[in-house]
Amino acid sequence: MDPLEIEDTSDWLGCPTELETCRQFLRMAENEIQELNVQLRKAREDIFGLVQMHADVSKERDQLRLQAARLHGENSELSGQVRSLLIVSDQREHLFRENQRLLKEKRDQQ
């Protein structure tokens, strides 16, 4: 017998025939395909969930950016008002001191 020749075992007791071997391989392949389809479906659901999460987070980010821009604008406006009030307060102090000085001069002249 040639060592490279495959021995025919189809007539051995308990050994599967070539057809039985093919059927077993086909069942294994079908099971693997079914499992891969389940995994693919799960992966698609996960991807859809991630896309939805990304969309939600992007929407929230955009809203926060708008809110931050609005708050920045309000802050700038309030800062301008505070500067104006400080200028008015300084002017009031200056006028009060000037008024006190003039009152003192008037008293001193009398």
Protein backbone atom coordinates (compact mmCIF):
# COMPACT_ATOMS: atom_id res chain seq x y z
CA MET A 1 0.00 0.00 0.00
CA ASP A 2 1.23 3.46 -0.97
CA PRO A 3 1.79 5.60 2.19
CA LEU A 4 0.13 8.60 0.49
CA GLU A 5 -3.01 6.64 -0.39
CA ILE A 6 -5.99 7.22 1.94
CA GLU A 7 -7.43 4.00 3.24
CA ASP A 8 -11.13 3.41 2.46
CA THR A 9 -12.87 3.03 5.82
CA SER A 10 -16.47 3.15 4.57
CA ASP A 11 -17.05 -0.53 5.36
CA TRP A 12 -15.70 -0.31 8.91
CA LEU A 13 -18.26 -0.67 11.68
CA GLY A 14 -19.10 2.67 13.33
CA CYS A 15 -17.17 4.77 10.83
CA PRO A 16 -19.25 7.41 9.04
CA THR A 17 -19.63 7.21 5.32
CA GLU A 18 -18.55 10.06 3.09
CA LEU A 19 -22.21 11.20 2.78
CA GLU A 20 -22.66 11.12 6.57
CA THR A 21 -19.46 13.12 6.99
CA CYS A 22 -20.70 15.71 4.47
CA ARG A 23 -24.08 15.93 6.22
CA GLN A 24 -22.37 16.41 9.60
CA PHE A 25 -20.14 19.13 8.16
CA LEU A 26 -23.24 20.77 6.60
CA ARG A 27 -25.04 20.77 9.99
CA MET A 28 -21.98 22.26 11.66
CA ALA A 29 -21.74 24.95 8.97
CA GLU A 30 -25.47 25.74 9.29
CA ASN A 31 -25.16 26.04 13.08
CA GLU A 32 -22.18 28.33 12.70
CA ILE A 33 -24.04 30.47 10.15
CA GLN A 34 -27.03 30.73 12.51
CA GLU A 35 -24.74 31.77 15.37
CA LEU A 36 -23.01 34.32 13.14
CA ASN A 37 -26.41 35.71 12.12
CA VAL A 38 -27.34 36.09 15.80
CA GLN A 39 -24.04 37.85 16.46
CA LEU A 40 -24.51 40.05 13.39
CA ARG A 41 -28.02 41.03 14.49
CA LYS A 42 -26.70 41.88 17.98
CA ALA A 43 -23.82 43.89 16.49
CA ARG A 44 -26.26 45.82 14.27
CA GLU A 45 -28.45 46.57 17.30
CA ASP A 46 -25.38 47.71 19.24
CA ILE A 47 -24.27 49.93 16.35
CA PHE A 48 -27.77 51.41 16.07
CA GLY A 49 -27.71 52.08 19.82
CA LEU A 50 -24.31 53.74 19.59
CA VAL A 51 -25.40 55.87 16.64
CA GLN A 52 -28.49 56.94 18.60
CA MET A 53 -26.38 57.72 21.67
CA HIS A 54 -24.00 59.77 19.50
CA ALA A 55 -26.92 61.70 18.02
CA ASP A 56 -28.34 62.37 21.50
CA VAL A 57 -24.98 63.49 22.87
CA SER A 58 -24.35 65.68 19.81
CA LYS A 59 -27.73 67.32 20.25
CA GLU A 60 -27.04 67.90 23.95
CA ARG A 61 -23.57 69.28 23.11
CA ASP A 62 -25.08 71.70 20.62
CA GLN A 63 -27.66 72.85 23.16
CA LEU A 64 -24.94 73.36 25.77
CA ARG A 65 -22.88 75.35 23.27
CA LEU A 66 -25.87 77.60 22.57
CA GLN A 67 -26.48 77.99 26.29
CA ALA A 68 -22.80 78.79 26.89
CA ALA A 69 -22.86 81.39 24.10
CA ARG A 70 -26.02 82.93 25.54
CA LEU A 71 -24.50 83.00 29.04
CA HIS A 72 -21.31 84.52 27.66
CA GLY A 73 -23.39 87.24 26.02
CA GLU A 74 -25.30 87.86 29.25
CA ASN A 75 -22.02 87.93 31.17
CA SER A 76 -20.59 90.51 28.77
CA GLU A 77 -23.71 92.62 29.09
CA LEU A 78 -23.68 92.42 32.88
CA SER A 79 -19.96 93.23 32.95
CA GLY A 80 -20.66 96.33 30.88
CA GLN A 81 -23.43 97.34 33.28
CA VAL A 82 -21.12 96.81 36.27
CA ARG A 83 -18.44 98.97 34.63
CA SER A 84 -21.04 101.67 33.98
CA LEU A 85 -22.20 101.50 37.60
CA LEU A 86 -18.62 101.73 38.83
CA ILE A 87 -18.06 104.81 36.67
CA VAL A 88 -21.28 106.36 38.02
CA SER A 89 -20.21 105.48 41.55
CA ASP A 90 -16.80 107.10 41.02
CA GLN A 91 -18.48 110.19 39.57
CA ARG A 92 -20.86 110.31 42.53
CA GLU A 93 -17.92 110.10 44.96
CA HIS A 94 -16.08 112.82 43.08
CA LEU A 95 -19.16 115.07 43.06
CA PHE A 96 -19.80 114.39 46.75
CA ARG A 97 -16.22 115.35 47.67
CA GLU A 98 -16.41 118.41 45.44
CA ASN A 99 -19.73 119.37 47.04
CA GLN A 100 -18.23 118.95 50.53
CA ARG A 101 -15.25 121.08 49.55
CA LEU A 102 -17.49 123.83 48.17
CA LEU A 103 -19.66 123.75 51.32
CA LYS A 104 -16.58 124.08 53.46
CA GLU A 105 -15.33 127.01 51.36
CA LYS A 106 -18.70 128.74 51.68
CA ARG A 107 -18.72 128.27 55.46
CA ASP A 108 -15.19 129.54 55.71
CA GLN A 109 -16.15 132.67 53.74
CA GLN A 110 -19.00 133.50 56.07
